[in-house]
Amino acid sequence: MKKIMLLMLLFAFTQSLSQTKDTQRYEMIFTQVEQAFDRGNLNNIWALLNSRVTIRIEDSLYRDASDIQVESLLKSFFENKDSLKFKFAAKNFYMNGAESNGLLSFTIDNKRNSLNVDVYLSGLKGDVLMYAMNLSNYPSSTVFYNFYK
């Protein structure tokens, strides 16, 4: 009986260490994304994109977009934005992934604007990659579904 209890305790401890390690990896990715969006320089996050990404940018939804297409979409989105400011407000961690959201503030032609940003990470195959993003003022769940006004 003591051996079983000891094995259960050891297993729980190992799981806890593993989950802490994953959380640290997710935090590191979120920091990279936060800095990239805050500066408008996305060069450090291209390697973090899954090969297929679902992304909503304002009114447009792109399902299973290639990482190359997402790179082009994000470059186009950020090219005319000035005075960028971005910070994640909340983060949720799960067994095989994480999600975070924040507010992106920017100016276009001296007009102040803002969008909600939701980023979804997956850690299923050992690598932590972004598999979905929502850059819009629509609810985050709409990044996965067609949404009509």
N, C-alpha and C. Protein backbone atom coordinates (compact mmCIF):
# COMPACT_ATOMS: atom_id res chain seq x y z
N MET A 1 0.82 -1.19 0.00
CA MET A 1 0.00 0.00 0.00
C MET A 1 0.87 1.26 0.00
N LYS A 2 1.95 1.23 0.79
CA LYS A 2 2.84 2.38 0.84
C LYS A 2 3.52 2.61 -0.50
N LYS A 3 3.84 1.51 -1.20
CA LYS A 3 4.48 1.63 -2.51
C LYS A 3 3.54 2.30 -3.51
N ILE A 4 2.29 1.92 -3.45
CA ILE A 4 1.30 2.51 -4.36
C ILE A 4 1.14 4.00 -4.07
N MET A 5 1.07 4.34 -2.81
CA MET A 5 0.95 5.76 -2.44
C MET A 5 2.18 6.54 -2.88
N LEU A 6 3.35 5.94 -2.70
CA LEU A 6 4.59 6.58 -3.10
C LEU A 6 4.64 6.77 -4.62
N LEU A 7 4.22 5.75 -5.36
CA LEU A 7 4.18 5.85 -6.82
C LEU A 7 3.18 6.93 -7.27
N MET A 8 2.03 7.00 -6.63
CA MET A 8 1.04 8.02 -6.98
C MET A 8 1.59 9.42 -6.68
N LEU A 9 2.26 9.57 -5.57
CA LEU A 9 2.85 10.85 -5.20
C LEU A 9 3.94 11.24 -6.18
N LEU A 10 4.77 10.28 -6.55
CA LEU A 10 5.84 10.52 -7.53
C LEU A 10 5.26 10.91 -8.88
N PHE A 11 4.22 10.22 -9.30
CA PHE A 11 3.56 10.54 -10.57
C PHE A 11 2.97 11.95 -10.55
N ALA A 12 2.31 12.30 -9.47
CA ALA A 12 1.72 13.64 -9.35
C ALA A 12 2.80 14.71 -9.37
N PHE A 13 3.90 14.46 -8.70
CA PHE A 13 5.01 15.41 -8.67
C PHE A 13 5.60 15.58 -10.06
N THR A 14 5.78 14.48 -10.79
CA THR A 14 6.32 14.52 -12.15
C THR A 14 5.39 15.30 -13.08
N GLN A 15 4.10 15.05 -12.96
CA GLN A 15 3.11 15.78 -13.77
C GLN A 15 3.16 17.27 -13.47
N SER A 16 3.28 17.60 -12.20
CA SER A 16 3.34 19.00 -11.79
C SER A 16 4.57 19.69 -12.38
N LEU A 17 5.71 19.03 -12.33
CA LEU A 17 6.94 19.59 -12.92
C LEU A 17 6.80 19.77 -14.41
N SER A 18 6.19 18.79 -15.07
CA SER A 18 5.99 18.85 -16.51
C SER A 18 5.08 20.01 -16.88
N GLN A 19 4.00 20.17 -16.13
CA GLN A 19 3.05 21.26 -16.40
C GLN A 19 3.70 22.62 -16.15
N THR A 20 4.55 22.73 -15.13
CA THR A 20 5.26 23.98 -14.86
C THR A 20 6.19 24.32 -16.01
N LYS A 21 6.88 23.32 -16.52
CA LYS A 21 7.78 23.52 -17.64
C LYS A 21 7.00 24.00 -18.87
N ASP A 22 5.85 23.36 -19.15
CA ASP A 22 5.02 23.78 -20.28
C ASP A 22 4.53 25.21 -20.11
N THR A 23 4.08 25.54 -18.90
CA THR A 23 3.61 26.90 -18.63
C THR A 23 4.71 27.92 -18.89
N GLN A 24 5.92 27.61 -18.50
CA GLN A 24 7.04 28.51 -18.75
C GLN A 24 7.30 28.68 -20.24
N ARG A 25 7.18 27.59 -21.00
CA ARG A 25 7.35 27.68 -22.45
C ARG A 25 6.26 28.55 -23.07
N TYR A 26 5.01 28.37 -22.63
CA TYR A 26 3.91 29.19 -23.15
C TYR A 26 4.13 30.66 -22.80
N GLU A 27 4.55 30.92 -21.57
CA GLU A 27 4.83 32.30 -21.15
C GLU A 27 5.89 32.95 -22.04
N MET A 28 6.93 32.19 -22.36
CA MET A 28 8.00 32.70 -23.20
C MET A 28 7.47 33.06 -24.60
N ILE A 29 6.62 32.21 -25.15
CA ILE A 29 6.02 32.48 -26.47
C ILE A 29 5.13 33.71 -26.40
N PHE A 30 4.30 33.80 -25.36
CA PHE A 30 3.42 34.97 -25.21
C PHE A 30 4.24 36.26 -25.10
N THR A 31 5.36 36.21 -24.42
CA THR A 31 6.23 37.38 -24.31
C THR A 31 6.76 37.79 -25.68
N GLN A 32 7.17 36.81 -26.48
CA GLN A 32 7.66 37.11 -27.83
C GLN A 32 6.56 37.74 -28.68
N VAL A 33 5.36 37.18 -28.61
CA VAL A 33 4.23 37.71 -29.39
C VAL A 33 3.89 39.12 -28.92
N GLU A 34 3.84 39.31 -27.62
CA GLU A 34 3.53 40.62 -27.03
C GLU A 34 4.52 41.68 -27.51
N GLN A 35 5.80 41.37 -27.47
CA GLN A 35 6.82 42.32 -27.92
C GLN A 35 6.71 42.59 -29.42
N ALA A 36 6.45 41.55 -30.19
CA ALA A 36 6.33 41.72 -31.64
C ALA A 36 5.15 42.63 -31.99
N PHE A 37 4.00 42.41 -31.37
CA PHE A 37 2.83 43.23 -31.65
C PHE A 37 3.01 44.65 -31.11
N ASP A 38 3.67 44.78 -30.00
CA ASP A 38 3.90 46.10 -29.41
C ASP A 38 4.82 46.95 -30.29
N ARG A 39 5.77 46.31 -30.94
CA ARG A 39 6.75 47.03 -31.78
C ARG A 39 6.36 47.04 -33.26
N GLY A 40 5.42 46.18 -33.63
CA GLY A 40 5.07 46.08 -35.04
C GLY A 40 6.13 45.36 -35.85
N ASN A 41 7.06 44.71 -35.16
CA ASN A 41 8.13 43.96 -35.82
C ASN A 41 7.89 42.48 -35.52
N LEU A 42 7.38 41.78 -36.51
CA LEU A 42 6.94 40.41 -36.30
C LEU A 42 7.99 39.37 -36.67
N ASN A 43 9.20 39.79 -37.00
CA ASN A 43 10.22 38.86 -37.46
C ASN A 43 10.51 37.73 -36.48
N ASN A 44 10.36 37.98 -35.19
CA ASN A 44 10.68 36.96 -34.19
C ASN A 44 9.57 35.94 -33.97
N ILE A 45 8.43 36.12 -34.62
CA ILE A 45 7.34 35.17 -34.36
C ILE A 45 7.02 34.28 -35.55
N TRP A 46 7.64 34.49 -36.70
CA TRP A 46 7.30 33.67 -37.87
C TRP A 46 7.54 32.19 -37.58
N ALA A 47 8.60 31.88 -36.89
CA ALA A 47 8.92 30.47 -36.58
C ALA A 47 7.92 29.86 -35.60
N LEU A 48 7.11 30.69 -34.96
CA LEU A 48 6.14 30.21 -33.98
C LEU A 48 4.80 29.83 -34.60
N LEU A 49 4.65 30.08 -35.91
CA LEU A 49 3.39 29.78 -36.58
C LEU A 49 3.31 28.31 -36.93
N ASN A 50 2.17 27.71 -36.66
CA ASN A 50 1.91 26.36 -37.10
C ASN A 50 1.87 26.36 -38.63
N SER A 51 2.02 25.23 -39.27
CA SER A 51 2.01 25.20 -40.73
C SER A 51 0.65 25.60 -41.28
N ARG A 52 -0.41 25.39 -40.52
CA ARG A 52 -1.76 25.82 -40.88
C ARG A 52 -2.32 26.61 -39.71
N VAL A 53 -2.83 27.81 -39.98
CA VAL A 53 -3.31 28.71 -38.93
C VAL A 53 -4.69 29.22 -39.32
N THR A 54 -5.56 29.32 -38.35
CA THR A 54 -6.85 29.99 -38.54
C THR A 54 -6.69 31.38 -37.94
N ILE A 55 -7.02 32.38 -38.75
CA ILE A 55 -6.82 33.76 -38.28
C ILE A 55 -7.98 34.64 -38.74
N ARG A 56 -8.45 35.47 -37.82
CA ARG A 56 -9.42 36.51 -38.16
C ARG A 56 -8.71 37.83 -38.00
N ILE A 57 -8.74 38.62 -39.07
CA ILE A 57 -8.21 39.99 -39.04
C ILE A 57 -9.36 40.91 -39.40
N GLU A 58 -9.83 41.63 -38.42
CA GLU A 58 -10.99 42.50 -38.53
C GLU A 58 -12.16 41.70 -39.09
N ASP A 59 -12.68 42.01 -40.27
CA ASP A 59 -13.86 41.33 -40.80
C ASP A 59 -13.54 40.07 -41.61
N SER A 60 -12.29 39.77 -41.83
CA SER A 60 -11.92 38.65 -42.70
C SER A 60 -11.46 37.44 -41.90
N LEU A 61 -11.98 36.27 -42.28
CA LEU A 61 -11.61 35.01 -41.64
C LEU A 61 -10.84 34.16 -42.64
N TYR A 62 -9.70 33.67 -42.22
CA TYR A 62 -8.86 32.80 -43.05
C TYR A 62 -8.69 31.48 -42.30
N ARG A 63 -9.26 30.42 -42.84
CA ARG A 63 -9.17 29.11 -42.21
C ARG A 63 -8.05 28.30 -42.84
N ASP A 64 -7.29 27.63 -42.02
CA ASP A 64 -6.20 26.77 -42.49
C ASP A 64 -5.28 27.49 -43.45
N ALA A 65 -4.97 28.73 -43.13
CA ALA A 65 -4.04 29.52 -43.96
C ALA A 65 -2.63 29.00 -43.72
N SER A 66 -1.82 29.01 -44.75
CA SER A 66 -0.44 28.57 -44.59
C SER A 66 0.32 29.61 -43.77
N ASP A 67 1.41 29.19 -43.17
CA ASP A 67 2.21 30.12 -42.39
C ASP A 67 2.72 31.27 -43.26
N ILE A 68 2.99 31.01 -44.53
CA ILE A 68 3.44 32.05 -45.46
C ILE A 68 2.32 33.06 -45.71
N GLN A 69 1.10 32.58 -45.88
CA GLN A 69 -0.05 33.47 -46.09
C GLN A 69 -0.30 34.31 -44.84
N VAL A 70 -0.20 33.71 -43.66
CA VAL A 70 -0.41 34.44 -42.40
C VAL A 70 0.65 35.51 -42.24
N GLU A 71 1.88 35.19 -42.58
CA GLU A 71 2.96 36.17 -42.51
C GLU A 71 2.62 37.38 -43.39
N SER A 72 2.16 37.12 -44.61
CA SER A 72 1.79 38.20 -45.53
C SER A 72 0.62 39.02 -44.99
N LEU A 73 -0.39 38.34 -44.45
CA LEU A 73 -1.57 39.03 -43.89
C LEU A 73 -1.18 39.93 -42.73
N LEU A 74 -0.34 39.43 -41.83
CA LEU A 74 0.06 40.22 -40.67
C LEU A 74 0.95 41.39 -41.06
N LYS A 75 1.85 41.18 -42.01
CA LYS A 75 2.69 42.29 -42.48
C LYS A 75 1.81 43.39 -43.06
N SER A 76 0.84 42.99 -43.86
CA SER A 76 -0.08 43.96 -44.47
C SER A 76 -0.89 44.68 -43.41
N PHE A 77 -1.34 43.96 -42.40
CA PHE A 77 -2.13 44.55 -41.33
C PHE A 77 -1.33 45.60 -40.57
N PHE A 78 -0.08 45.31 -40.25
CA PHE A 78 0.72 46.20 -39.42
C PHE A 78 1.40 47.34 -40.19
N GLU A 79 1.46 47.27 -41.52
CA GLU A 79 2.27 48.23 -42.28
C GLU A 79 1.79 49.68 -42.17
N ASN A 80 0.52 49.91 -42.00
CA ASN A 80 0.02 51.29 -41.94
C ASN A 80 -0.38 51.73 -40.52
N LYS A 81 0.03 50.96 -39.53
CA LYS A 81 -0.30 51.28 -38.14
C LYS A 81 0.86 52.02 -37.48
N ASP A 82 0.55 53.07 -36.74
CA ASP A 82 1.55 53.83 -35.99
C ASP A 82 1.22 53.78 -34.51
N SER A 83 2.17 54.17 -33.70
CA SER A 83 1.99 54.27 -32.24
C SER A 83 1.37 53.01 -31.67
N LEU A 84 1.95 51.89 -31.99
CA LEU A 84 1.42 50.61 -31.51
C LEU A 84 1.64 50.47 -30.01
N LYS A 85 0.66 49.86 -29.37
CA LYS A 85 0.78 49.52 -27.95
C LYS A 85 0.00 48.23 -27.75
N PHE A 86 0.68 47.24 -27.17
CA PHE A 86 0.01 45.96 -26.96
C PHE A 86 0.53 45.28 -25.70
N LYS A 87 -0.39 44.70 -24.96
CA LYS A 87 -0.04 43.91 -23.77
C LYS A 87 -1.14 42.89 -23.55
N PHE A 88 -0.72 41.65 -23.26
CA PHE A 88 -1.70 40.63 -22.92
C PHE A 88 -2.28 40.93 -21.54
N ALA A 89 -3.59 40.78 -21.42
CA ALA A 89 -4.28 41.06 -20.15
C ALA A 89 -4.55 39.79 -19.35
N ALA A 90 -4.82 38.71 -20.06
CA ALA A 90 -5.16 37.46 -19.37
C ALA A 90 -4.56 36.29 -20.13
N LYS A 91 -4.17 35.26 -19.38
CA LYS A 91 -3.59 34.05 -19.96
C LYS A 91 -4.22 32.84 -19.30
N ASN A 92 -4.54 31.85 -20.11
CA ASN A 92 -5.08 30.59 -19.60
C ASN A 92 -4.21 29.45 -20.11
N PHE A 93 -3.86 28.55 -19.22
CA PHE A 93 -2.99 27.43 -19.56
C PHE A 93 -3.74 26.13 -19.40
N TYR A 94 -3.53 25.23 -20.36
CA TYR A 94 -4.20 23.94 -20.37
C TYR A 94 -3.16 22.84 -20.50
N MET A 95 -3.61 21.62 -20.48
CA MET A 95 -2.70 20.47 -20.56
C MET A 95 -1.84 20.51 -21.83
N ASN A 96 -2.44 20.79 -22.97
CA ASN A 96 -1.72 20.76 -24.25
C ASN A 96 -1.81 22.08 -25.01
N GLY A 97 -1.97 23.17 -24.30
CA GLY A 97 -2.07 24.45 -24.98
C GLY A 97 -2.30 25.60 -24.03
N ALA A 98 -2.45 26.77 -24.63
CA ALA A 98 -2.69 27.98 -23.84
C ALA A 98 -3.36 29.00 -24.74
N GLU A 99 -3.99 29.97 -24.12
CA GLU A 99 -4.57 31.08 -24.86
C GLU A 99 -4.38 32.36 -24.06
N SER A 100 -4.33 33.46 -24.79
CA SER A 100 -4.15 34.74 -24.13
C SER A 100 -4.86 35.81 -24.94
N ASN A 101 -5.25 36.88 -24.25
CA ASN A 101 -5.89 37.98 -24.97
C ASN A 101 -5.41 39.31 -24.43
N GLY A 102 -5.53 40.31 -25.27
CA GLY A 102 -5.12 41.65 -24.89
C GLY A 102 -5.71 42.66 -25.85
N LEU A 103 -5.33 43.92 -25.66
CA LEU A 103 -5.84 45.00 -26.49
C LEU A 103 -4.69 45.64 -27.25
N LEU A 104 -4.84 45.70 -28.57
CA LEU A 104 -3.86 46.35 -29.43
C LEU A 104 -4.37 47.75 -29.76
N SER A 105 -3.63 48.77 -29.33
CA SER A 105 -3.98 50.16 -29.64
C SER A 105 -3.03 50.67 -30.70
N PHE A 106 -3.53 51.48 -31.60
CA PHE A 106 -2.72 52.00 -32.70
C PHE A 106 -3.38 53.24 -33.30
N THR A 107 -2.65 53.93 -34.14
CA THR A 107 -3.21 55.06 -34.88
C THR A 107 -3.06 54.79 -36.37
N ILE A 108 -4.07 55.24 -37.11
CA ILE A 108 -4.04 55.24 -38.57
C ILE A 108 -4.50 56.63 -38.99
N ASP A 109 -3.66 57.32 -39.74
CA ASP A 109 -3.97 58.69 -40.18
C ASP A 109 -4.39 59.57 -39.01
N ASN A 110 -3.64 59.51 -37.94
CA ASN A 110 -3.86 60.30 -36.72
C ASN A 110 -5.16 59.99 -36.00
N LYS A 111 -5.80 58.87 -36.31
CA LYS A 111 -7.00 58.45 -35.61
C LYS A 111 -6.66 57.25 -34.72
N ARG A 112 -7.04 57.35 -33.47
CA ARG A 112 -6.77 56.29 -32.50
C ARG A 112 -7.77 55.17 -32.69
N ASN A 113 -7.29 53.93 -32.61
CA ASN A 113 -8.16 52.77 -32.78
C ASN A 113 -7.63 51.64 -31.91
N SER A 114 -8.45 50.63 -31.71
CA SER A 114 -7.99 49.46 -30.95
C SER A 114 -8.73 48.22 -31.41
N LEU A 115 -8.07 47.09 -31.22
CA LEU A 115 -8.65 45.78 -31.54
C LEU A 115 -8.30 44.81 -30.43
N ASN A 116 -9.19 43.89 -30.18
CA ASN A 116 -8.89 42.80 -29.28
C ASN A 116 -8.00 41.79 -30.01
N VAL A 117 -7.08 41.21 -29.29
CA VAL A 117 -6.19 40.20 -29.87
C VAL A 117 -6.28 38.95 -28.99
N ASP A 118 -6.54 37.82 -29.64
CA ASP A 118 -6.55 36.53 -28.96
C ASP A 118 -5.54 35.65 -29.67
N VAL A 119 -4.68 34.98 -28.92
CA VAL A 119 -3.68 34.09 -29.49
C VAL A 119 -3.83 32.73 -28.83
N TYR A 120 -3.85 31.69 -29.66
CA TYR A 120 -4.02 30.32 -29.19
C TYR A 120 -2.77 29.51 -29.52
N LEU A 121 -2.24 28.83 -28.51
CA LEU A 121 -1.04 28.02 -28.66
C LEU A 121 -1.36 26.55 -28.47
N SER A 122 -0.60 25.72 -29.17
CA SER A 122 -0.71 24.28 -29.03
C SER A 122 0.66 23.72 -28.70
N GLY A 123 0.70 22.79 -27.78
CA GLY A 123 1.95 22.15 -27.42
C GLY A 123 1.87 20.65 -27.57
N LEU A 124 1.10 20.16 -28.52
CA LEU A 124 0.85 18.73 -28.65
C LEU A 124 2.05 17.91 -29.09
N LYS A 125 2.84 18.40 -30.02
CA LYS A 125 3.92 17.59 -30.58
C LYS A 125 5.29 18.01 -30.06
N GLY A 126 5.34 18.57 -28.88
CA GLY A 126 6.61 18.97 -28.31
C GLY A 126 6.95 20.42 -28.58
N ASP A 127 6.63 20.91 -29.76
CA ASP A 127 6.85 22.32 -30.09
C ASP A 127 5.64 23.13 -29.67
N VAL A 128 5.87 24.36 -29.25
CA VAL A 128 4.77 25.26 -28.95
C VAL A 128 4.58 26.16 -30.16
N LEU A 129 3.39 26.08 -30.77
CA LEU A 129 3.12 26.84 -31.98
C LEU A 129 1.77 27.54 -31.88
N MET A 130 1.65 28.66 -32.59
CA MET A 130 0.37 29.36 -32.68
C MET A 130 -0.49 28.68 -33.74
N TYR A 131 -1.69 28.29 -33.38
CA TYR A 131 -2.56 27.66 -34.35
C TYR A 131 -3.77 28.53 -34.70
N ALA A 132 -4.01 29.59 -33.93
CA ALA A 132 -5.14 30.48 -34.23
C ALA A 132 -4.88 31.85 -33.62
N MET A 133 -5.41 32.88 -34.31
CA MET A 133 -5.32 34.27 -33.84
C MET A 133 -6.60 34.99 -34.22
N ASN A 134 -6.98 35.91 -33.37
CA ASN A 134 -8.13 36.77 -33.61
C ASN A 134 -7.69 38.20 -33.39
N LEU A 135 -7.66 38.99 -34.44
CA LEU A 135 -7.34 40.42 -34.33
C LEU A 135 -8.59 41.17 -34.79
N SER A 136 -9.56 41.25 -33.92
CA SER A 136 -10.82 41.91 -34.26
C SER A 136 -11.56 42.24 -32.98
N ASN A 137 -12.64 42.97 -33.12
CA ASN A 137 -13.46 43.27 -31.97
C ASN A 137 -14.65 42.32 -31.86
N TYR A 138 -14.59 41.24 -32.64
CA TYR A 138 -15.57 40.17 -32.51
C TYR A 138 -15.16 39.27 -31.36
N PRO A 139 -16.11 38.54 -30.79
CA PRO A 139 -15.74 37.61 -29.71
C PRO A 139 -14.68 36.62 -30.18
N SER A 140 -13.85 36.20 -29.27
CA SER A 140 -12.74 35.32 -29.64
C SER A 140 -13.21 34.02 -30.28
N SER A 141 -14.36 33.53 -29.91
CA SER A 141 -14.85 32.28 -30.48
C SER A 141 -15.09 32.38 -31.99
N THR A 142 -15.27 33.58 -32.51
CA THR A 142 -15.55 33.72 -33.94
C THR A 142 -14.33 33.44 -34.80
N VAL A 143 -13.15 33.31 -34.20
CA VAL A 143 -11.97 32.99 -34.99
C VAL A 143 -12.11 31.59 -35.59
N PHE A 144 -12.96 30.76 -35.01
CA PHE A 144 -13.11 29.39 -35.49
C PHE A 144 -14.36 29.18 -36.34
N TYR A 145 -15.22 30.18 -36.44
CA TYR A 145 -16.49 30.02 -37.15
C TYR A 145 -16.72 31.21 -38.06
N ASN A 146 -17.42 30.96 -39.17
CA ASN A 146 -17.85 32.07 -39.99
C ASN A 146 -18.83 32.91 -39.19
N PHE A 147 -18.67 34.20 -39.25
CA PHE A 147 -19.47 35.10 -38.43
C PHE A 147 -19.98 36.20 -39.34
N TYR A 148 -21.25 36.38 -39.40
CA TYR A 148 -21.83 37.39 -40.26
C TYR A 148 -22.49 38.46 -39.44
N LYS A 149 -22.31 39.69 -39.87
CA LYS A 149 -22.90 40.82 -39.16
C LYS A 149 -24.39 40.86 -39.37
